[in-house]
Amino acid sequence: MAQIHVTRPAPFGALTVARTIAAFERGLESYRGWRQAARTAQDLHALSDRQLDDIGLFRGEIETVASRLSGR
């Protein structure tokens, strides 16, 4: 793919718009990770103690495991 070289400055406000969009995207990605962790924790809390033992977890570890699995 060829690179395009621009020799003139960006239009007024273009950098601000790009930074605002990037910040919004980071916030959205953070929210998605938080929601994924919450769903995972909810699913793990629904398991019985016996089922948690079968997969090697204790109830007190659920929040930590859910956060790690979601990439948070």
PDB file of N, CA and C in Angstrom:
ATOM      1  N   MET A   1       0.847  -1.163   0.000  1.00  0.00           N
ATOM      2  CA  MET A   1       0.000   0.000   0.000  1.00  0.00           C
ATOM      3  C   MET A   1       0.901   1.237   0.000  1.00  0.00           C
ATOM      4  N   ALA A   2       0.620   2.185  -0.843  1.00  0.00           N
ATOM      5  CA  ALA A   2       1.414   3.403  -0.967  1.00  0.00           C
ATOM      6  C   ALA A   2       1.061   4.382   0.142  1.00  0.00           C
ATOM      7  N   GLN A   3       2.069   5.121   0.576  1.00  0.00           N
ATOM      8  CA  GLN A   3       1.834   6.138   1.588  1.00  0.00           C
ATOM      9  C   GLN A   3       1.534   7.460   0.911  1.00  0.00           C
ATOM     10  N   ILE A   4       0.657   8.225   1.524  1.00  0.00           N
ATOM     11  CA  ILE A   4       0.296   9.540   1.005  1.00  0.00           C
ATOM     12  C   ILE A   4       0.972  10.577   1.877  1.00  0.00           C
ATOM     13  N   HIS A   5       1.685  11.505   1.255  1.00  0.00           N
ATOM     14  CA  HIS A   5       2.352  12.570   1.990  1.00  0.00           C
ATOM     15  C   HIS A   5       1.595  13.871   1.767  1.00  0.00           C
ATOM     16  N   VAL A   6       1.156  14.467   2.842  1.00  0.00           N
ATOM     17  CA  VAL A   6       0.418  15.727   2.771  1.00  0.00           C
ATOM     18  C   VAL A   6       1.394  16.853   3.084  1.00  0.00           C
ATOM     19  N   THR A   7       1.403  17.852   2.226  1.00  0.00           N
ATOM     20  CA  THR A   7       2.341  18.951   2.421  1.00  0.00           C
ATOM     21  C   THR A   7       1.677  20.191   2.992  1.00  0.00           C
ATOM     22  N   ARG A   8       0.385  20.165   3.142  1.00  0.00           N
ATOM     23  CA  ARG A   8      -0.292  21.325   3.708  1.00  0.00           C
ATOM     24  C   ARG A   8      -0.803  20.989   5.099  1.00  0.00           C
ATOM     25  N   PRO A   9      -0.996  21.962   5.957  1.00  0.00           N
ATOM     26  CA  PRO A   9      -1.471  21.683   7.317  1.00  0.00           C
ATOM     27  C   PRO A   9      -2.909  21.167   7.319  1.00  0.00           C
ATOM     28  N   ALA A  10      -3.224  20.441   8.377  1.00  0.00           N
ATOM     29  CA  ALA A  10      -4.590  19.930   8.519  1.00  0.00           C
ATOM     30  C   ALA A  10      -5.544  21.094   8.747  1.00  0.00           C
ATOM     31  N   PRO A  11      -6.797  20.945   8.353  1.00  0.00           N
ATOM     32  CA  PRO A  11      -7.774  22.010   8.574  1.00  0.00           C
ATOM     33  C   PRO A  11      -7.902  22.346  10.056  1.00  0.00           C
ATOM     34  N   PHE A  12      -8.283  23.556  10.331  1.00  0.00           N
ATOM     35  CA  PHE A  12      -8.434  24.027  11.708  1.00  0.00           C
ATOM     36  C   PHE A  12      -9.380  23.122  12.482  1.00  0.00           C
ATOM     37  N   GLY A  13      -8.918  22.615  13.605  1.00  0.00           N
ATOM     38  CA  GLY A  13      -9.760  21.778  14.457  1.00  0.00           C
ATOM     39  C   GLY A  13      -9.697  20.297  14.157  1.00  0.00           C
ATOM     40  N   ALA A  14      -9.019  19.905  13.088  1.00  0.00           N
ATOM     41  CA  ALA A  14      -8.987  18.490  12.712  1.00  0.00           C
ATOM     42  C   ALA A  14      -8.285  17.650  13.773  1.00  0.00           C
ATOM     43  N   LEU A  15      -7.206  18.157  14.333  1.00  0.00           N
ATOM     44  CA  LEU A  15      -6.476  17.424  15.359  1.00  0.00           C
ATOM     45  C   LEU A  15      -7.324  17.268  16.622  1.00  0.00           C
ATOM     46  N   THR A  16      -8.043  18.303  16.971  1.00  0.00           N
ATOM     47  CA  THR A  16      -8.925  18.240  18.142  1.00  0.00           C
ATOM     48  C   THR A  16     -10.020  17.203  17.939  1.00  0.00           C
ATOM     49  N   VAL A  17     -10.586  17.164  16.761  1.00  0.00           N
ATOM     50  CA  VAL A  17     -11.625  16.182  16.449  1.00  0.00           C
ATOM     51  C   VAL A  17     -11.045  14.772  16.521  1.00  0.00           C
ATOM     52  N   ALA A  18      -9.863  14.564  15.954  1.00  0.00           N
ATOM     53  CA  ALA A  18      -9.230  13.241  15.965  1.00  0.00           C
ATOM     54  C   ALA A  18      -8.938  12.797  17.397  1.00  0.00           C
ATOM     55  N   ARG A  19      -8.446  13.709  18.227  1.00  0.00           N
ATOM     56  CA  ARG A  19      -8.157  13.364  19.620  1.00  0.00           C
ATOM     57  C   ARG A  19      -9.433  13.067  20.397  1.00  0.00           C
ATOM     58  N   THR A  20     -10.487  13.802  20.125  1.00  0.00           N
ATOM     59  CA  THR A  20     -11.768  13.575  20.786  1.00  0.00           C
ATOM     60  C   THR A  20     -12.326  12.210  20.419  1.00  0.00           C
ATOM     61  N   ILE A  21     -12.256  11.858  19.154  1.00  0.00           N
ATOM     62  CA  ILE A  21     -12.735  10.550  18.700  1.00  0.00           C
ATOM     63  C   ILE A  21     -11.907   9.434  19.334  1.00  0.00           C
ATOM     64  N   ALA A  22     -10.580   9.614  19.387  1.00  0.00           N
ATOM     65  CA  ALA A  22      -9.711   8.598  19.990  1.00  0.00           C
ATOM     66  C   ALA A  22     -10.039   8.427  21.470  1.00  0.00           C
ATOM     67  N   ALA A  23     -10.278   9.524  22.176  1.00  0.00           N
ATOM     68  CA  ALA A  23     -10.629   9.444  23.595  1.00  0.00           C
ATOM     69  C   ALA A  23     -11.964   8.726  23.778  1.00  0.00           C
ATOM     70  N   PHE A  24     -12.925   9.018  22.923  1.00  0.00           N
ATOM     71  CA  PHE A  24     -14.220   8.350  22.978  1.00  0.00           C
ATOM     72  C   PHE A  24     -14.060   6.850  22.738  1.00  0.00           C
ATOM     73  N   GLU A  25     -13.237   6.478  21.764  1.00  0.00           N
ATOM     74  CA  GLU A  25     -13.016   5.065  21.453  1.00  0.00           C
ATOM     75  C   GLU A  25     -12.353   4.340  22.633  1.00  0.00           C
ATOM     76  N   ARG A  26     -11.395   5.004  23.293  1.00  0.00           N
ATOM     77  CA  ARG A  26     -10.761   4.396  24.471  1.00  0.00           C
ATOM     78  C   ARG A  26     -11.780   4.209  25.588  1.00  0.00           C
ATOM     79  N   GLY A  27     -12.625   5.193  25.789  1.00  0.00           N
ATOM     80  CA  GLY A  27     -13.668   5.088  26.806  1.00  0.00           C
ATOM     81  C   GLY A  27     -14.649   3.973  26.494  1.00  0.00           C
ATOM     82  N   LEU A  28     -15.023   3.858  25.242  1.00  0.00           N
ATOM     83  CA  LEU A  28     -15.948   2.804  24.827  1.00  0.00           C
ATOM     84  C   LEU A  28     -15.322   1.426  25.026  1.00  0.00           C
ATOM     85  N   GLU A  29     -14.050   1.293  24.692  1.00  0.00           N
ATOM     86  CA  GLU A  29     -13.367   0.017  24.876  1.00  0.00           C
ATOM     87  C   GLU A  29     -13.257  -0.333  26.361  1.00  0.00           C
ATOM     88  N   SER A  30     -13.009   0.662  27.180  1.00  0.00           N
ATOM     89  CA  SER A  30     -12.951   0.453  28.623  1.00  0.00           C
ATOM     90  C   SER A  30     -14.307  -0.001  29.153  1.00  0.00           C
ATOM     91  N   TYR A  31     -15.368   0.626  28.689  1.00  0.00           N
ATOM     92  CA  TYR A  31     -16.720   0.247  29.100  1.00  0.00           C
ATOM     93  C   TYR A  31     -17.026  -1.193  28.674  1.00  0.00           C
ATOM     94  N   ARG A  32     -16.648  -1.551  27.459  1.00  0.00           N
ATOM     95  CA  ARG A  32     -16.899  -2.916  26.988  1.00  0.00           C
ATOM     96  C   ARG A  32     -16.170  -3.937  27.862  1.00  0.00           C
ATOM     97  N   GLY A  33     -14.938  -3.631  28.241  1.00  0.00           N
ATOM     98  CA  GLY A  33     -14.187  -4.524  29.122  1.00  0.00           C
ATOM     99  C   GLY A  33     -14.848  -4.662  30.480  1.00  0.00           C
ATOM    100  N   TRP A  34     -15.322  -3.538  31.005  1.00  0.00           N
ATOM    101  CA  TRP A  34     -16.015  -3.556  32.300  1.00  0.00           C
ATOM    102  C   TRP A  34     -17.285  -4.397  32.222  1.00  0.00           C
ATOM    103  N   ARG A  35     -18.053  -4.235  31.150  1.00  0.00           N
ATOM    104  CA  ARG A  35     -19.295  -5.013  30.985  1.00  0.00           C
ATOM    105  C   ARG A  35     -18.984  -6.498  30.838  1.00  0.00           C
ATOM    106  N   GLN A  36     -17.926  -6.824  30.096  1.00  0.00           N
ATOM    107  CA  GLN A  36     -17.546  -8.231  29.934  1.00  0.00           C
ATOM    108  C   GLN A  36     -17.167  -8.837  31.273  1.00  0.00           C
ATOM    109  N   ALA A  37     -16.419  -8.095  32.078  1.00  0.00           N
ATOM    110  CA  ALA A  37     -16.035  -8.574  33.406  1.00  0.00           C
ATOM    111  C   ALA A  37     -17.264  -8.774  34.284  1.00  0.00           C
ATOM    112  N   ALA A  38     -18.209  -7.857  34.206  1.00  0.00           N
ATOM    113  CA  ALA A  38     -19.429  -7.968  35.007  1.00  0.00           C
ATOM    114  C   ALA A  38     -20.256  -9.184  34.589  1.00  0.00           C
ATOM    115  N   ARG A  39     -20.350  -9.428  33.284  1.00  0.00           N
ATOM    116  CA  ARG A  39     -21.110 -10.601  32.806  1.00  0.00           C
ATOM    117  C   ARG A  39     -20.425 -11.900  33.233  1.00  0.00           C
ATOM    118  N   THR A  40     -19.093 -11.931  33.121  1.00  0.00           N
ATOM    119  CA  THR A  40     -18.350 -13.122  33.516  1.00  0.00           C
ATOM    120  C   THR A  40     -18.528 -13.388  35.005  1.00  0.00           C
ATOM    121  N   ALA A  41     -18.414 -12.337  35.831  1.00  0.00           N
ATOM    122  CA  ALA A  41     -18.595 -12.488  37.276  1.00  0.00           C
ATOM    123  C   ALA A  41     -20.004 -12.966  37.590  1.00  0.00           C
ATOM    124  N   GLN A  42     -20.988 -12.431  36.903  1.00  0.00           N
ATOM    125  CA  GLN A  42     -22.379 -12.840  37.132  1.00  0.00           C
ATOM    126  C   GLN A  42     -22.555 -14.325  36.811  1.00  0.00           C
ATOM    127  N   ASP A  43     -21.982 -14.761  35.696  1.00  0.00           N
ATOM    128  CA  ASP A  43     -22.082 -16.175  35.321  1.00  0.00           C
ATOM    129  C   ASP A  43     -21.375 -17.073  36.323  1.00  0.00           C
ATOM    130  N   LEU A  44     -20.211 -16.643  36.800  1.00  0.00           N
ATOM    131  CA  LEU A  44     -19.481 -17.449  37.774  1.00  0.00           C
ATOM    132  C   LEU A  44     -20.206 -17.489  39.117  1.00  0.00           C
ATOM    133  N   HIS A  45     -20.818 -16.391  39.516  1.00  0.00           N
ATOM    134  CA  HIS A  45     -21.575 -16.369  40.771  1.00  0.00           C
ATOM    135  C   HIS A  45     -22.798 -17.289  40.703  1.00  0.00           C
ATOM    136  N   ALA A  46     -23.289 -17.544  39.510  1.00  0.00           N
ATOM    137  CA  ALA A  46     -24.458 -18.415  39.353  1.00  0.00           C
ATOM    138  C   ALA A  46     -24.102 -19.888  39.538  1.00  0.00           C
ATOM    139  N   LEU A  47     -22.808 -20.212  39.491  1.00  0.00           N
ATOM    140  CA  LEU A  47     -22.398 -21.601  39.658  1.00  0.00           C
ATOM    141  C   LEU A  47     -22.453 -21.994  41.132  1.00  0.00           C
ATOM    142  N   SER A  48     -22.637 -23.275  41.361  1.00  0.00           N
ATOM    143  CA  SER A  48     -22.631 -23.787  42.745  1.00  0.00           C
ATOM    144  C   SER A  48     -21.181 -23.879  43.231  1.00  0.00           C
ATOM    145  N   ASP A  49     -21.030 -24.047  44.544  1.00  0.00           N
ATOM    146  CA  ASP A  49     -19.686 -24.199  45.097  1.00  0.00           C
ATOM    147  C   ASP A  49     -18.996 -25.435  44.520  1.00  0.00           C
ATOM    148  N   ARG A  50     -19.750 -26.464  44.299  1.00  0.00           N
ATOM    149  CA  ARG A  50     -19.207 -27.708  43.709  1.00  0.00           C
ATOM    150  C   ARG A  50     -18.696 -27.451  42.289  1.00  0.00           C
ATOM    151  N   GLN A  51     -19.469 -26.722  41.484  1.00  0.00           N
ATOM    152  CA  GLN A  51     -19.050 -26.411  40.119  1.00  0.00           C
ATOM    153  C   GLN A  51     -17.803 -25.525  40.118  1.00  0.00           C
ATOM    154  N   LEU A  52     -17.762 -24.556  41.020  1.00  0.00           N
ATOM    155  CA  LEU A  52     -16.572 -23.705  41.122  1.00  0.00           C
ATOM    156  C   LEU A  52     -15.358 -24.532  41.514  1.00  0.00           C
ATOM    157  N   ASP A  53     -15.545 -25.475  42.444  1.00  0.00           N
ATOM    158  CA  ASP A  53     -14.452 -26.345  42.860  1.00  0.00           C
ATOM    159  C   ASP A  53     -13.960 -27.187  41.687  1.00  0.00           C
ATOM    160  N   ASP A  54     -14.872 -27.629  40.838  1.00  0.00           N
ATOM    161  CA  ASP A  54     -14.498 -28.429  39.668  1.00  0.00           C
ATOM    162  C   ASP A  54     -13.584 -27.657  38.718  1.00  0.00           C
ATOM    163  N   ILE A  55     -13.761 -26.347  38.636  1.00  0.00           N
ATOM    164  CA  ILE A  55     -12.909 -25.555  37.739  1.00  0.00           C
ATOM    165  C   ILE A  55     -11.772 -24.860  38.497  1.00  0.00           C
ATOM    166  N   GLY A  56     -11.653 -25.187  39.776  1.00  0.00           N
ATOM    167  CA  GLY A  56     -10.528 -24.703  40.562  1.00  0.00           C
ATOM    168  C   GLY A  56     -10.647 -23.282  41.068  1.00  0.00           C
ATOM    169  N   LEU A  57     -11.865 -22.839  41.330  1.00  0.00           N
ATOM    170  CA  LEU A  57     -12.078 -21.480  41.827  1.00  0.00           C
ATOM    171  C   LEU A  57     -12.769 -21.485  43.180  1.00  0.00           C
ATOM    172  N   PHE A  58     -12.478 -20.435  43.938  1.00  0.00           N
ATOM    173  CA  PHE A  58     -13.209 -20.156  45.172  1.00  0.00           C
ATOM    174  C   PHE A  58     -14.076 -18.936  44.905  1.00  0.00           C
ATOM    175  N   ARG A  59     -15.166 -18.798  45.620  1.00  0.00           N
ATOM    176  CA  ARG A  59     -16.048 -17.645  45.424  1.00  0.00           C
ATOM    177  C   ARG A  59     -15.324 -16.312  45.559  1.00  0.00           C
ATOM    178  N   GLY A  60     -14.382 -16.244  46.474  1.00  0.00           N
ATOM    179  CA  GLY A  60     -13.648 -15.002  46.705  1.00  0.00           C
ATOM    180  C   GLY A  60     -12.739 -14.600  45.560  1.00  0.00           C
ATOM    181  N   GLU A  61     -12.487 -15.497  44.626  1.00  0.00           N
ATOM    182  CA  GLU A  61     -11.613 -15.212  43.480  1.00  0.00           C
ATOM    183  C   GLU A  61     -12.372 -14.761  42.235  1.00  0.00           C
ATOM    184  N   ILE A  62     -13.676 -14.814  42.282  1.00  0.00           N
ATOM    185  CA  ILE A  62     -14.480 -14.571  41.075  1.00  0.00           C
ATOM    186  C   ILE A  62     -14.205 -13.200  40.469  1.00  0.00           C
ATOM    187  N   GLU A  63     -14.219 -12.151  41.266  1.00  0.00           N
ATOM    188  CA  GLU A  63     -14.036 -10.799  40.716  1.00  0.00           C
ATOM    189  C   GLU A  63     -12.668 -10.654  40.059  1.00  0.00           C
ATOM    190  N   THR A  64     -11.637 -11.206  40.700  1.00  0.00           N
ATOM    191  CA  THR A  64     -10.282 -11.123  40.143  1.00  0.00           C
ATOM    192  C   THR A  64     -10.185 -11.882  38.832  1.00  0.00           C
ATOM    193  N   VAL A  65     -10.718 -13.089  38.813  1.00  0.00           N
ATOM    194  CA  VAL A  65     -10.679 -13.909  37.598  1.00  0.00           C
ATOM    195  C   VAL A  65     -11.469 -13.243  36.474  1.00  0.00           C
ATOM    196  N   ALA A  66     -12.623 -12.709  36.781  1.00  0.00           N
ATOM    197  CA  ALA A  66     -13.447 -12.054  35.758  1.00  0.00           C
ATOM    198  C   ALA A  66     -12.725 -10.854  35.163  1.00  0.00           C
ATOM    199  N   SER A  67     -12.060 -10.076  35.993  1.00  0.00           N
ATOM    200  CA  SER A  67     -11.318  -8.916  35.501  1.00  0.00           C
ATOM    201  C   SER A  67     -10.157  -9.334  34.613  1.00  0.00           C
ATOM    202  N   ARG A  68      -9.451 -10.375  35.034  1.00  0.00           N
ATOM    203  CA  ARG A  68      -8.313 -10.848  34.233  1.00  0.00           C
ATOM    204  C   ARG A  68      -8.778 -11.405  32.884  1.00  0.00           C
ATOM    205  N   LEU A  69      -9.860 -12.158  32.890  1.00  0.00           N
ATOM    206  CA  LEU A  69     -10.363 -12.738  31.652  1.00  0.00           C
ATOM    207  C   LEU A  69     -10.837 -11.677  30.663  1.00  0.00           C
ATOM    208  N   SER A  70     -11.329 -10.573  31.171  1.00  0.00           N
ATOM    209  CA  SER A  70     -11.839  -9.523  30.287  1.00  0.00           C
ATOM    210  C   SER A  70     -10.726  -8.593  29.820  1.00  0.00           C
ATOM    211  N   GLY A  71      -9.526  -8.775  30.356  1.00  0.00           N
ATOM    212  CA  GLY A  71      -8.412  -7.928  29.937  1.00  0.00           C
ATOM    213  C   GLY A  71      -8.316  -6.621  30.674  1.00  0.00           C
ATOM    214  N   ARG A  72      -8.988  -6.476  31.764  1.00  0.00           N
ATOM    215  CA  ARG A  72      -8.962  -5.235  32.530  1.00  0.00           C
ATOM    216  C   ARG A  72      -7.808  -5.195  33.468  1.00  0.00           C
TER     217      ARG A  72
END
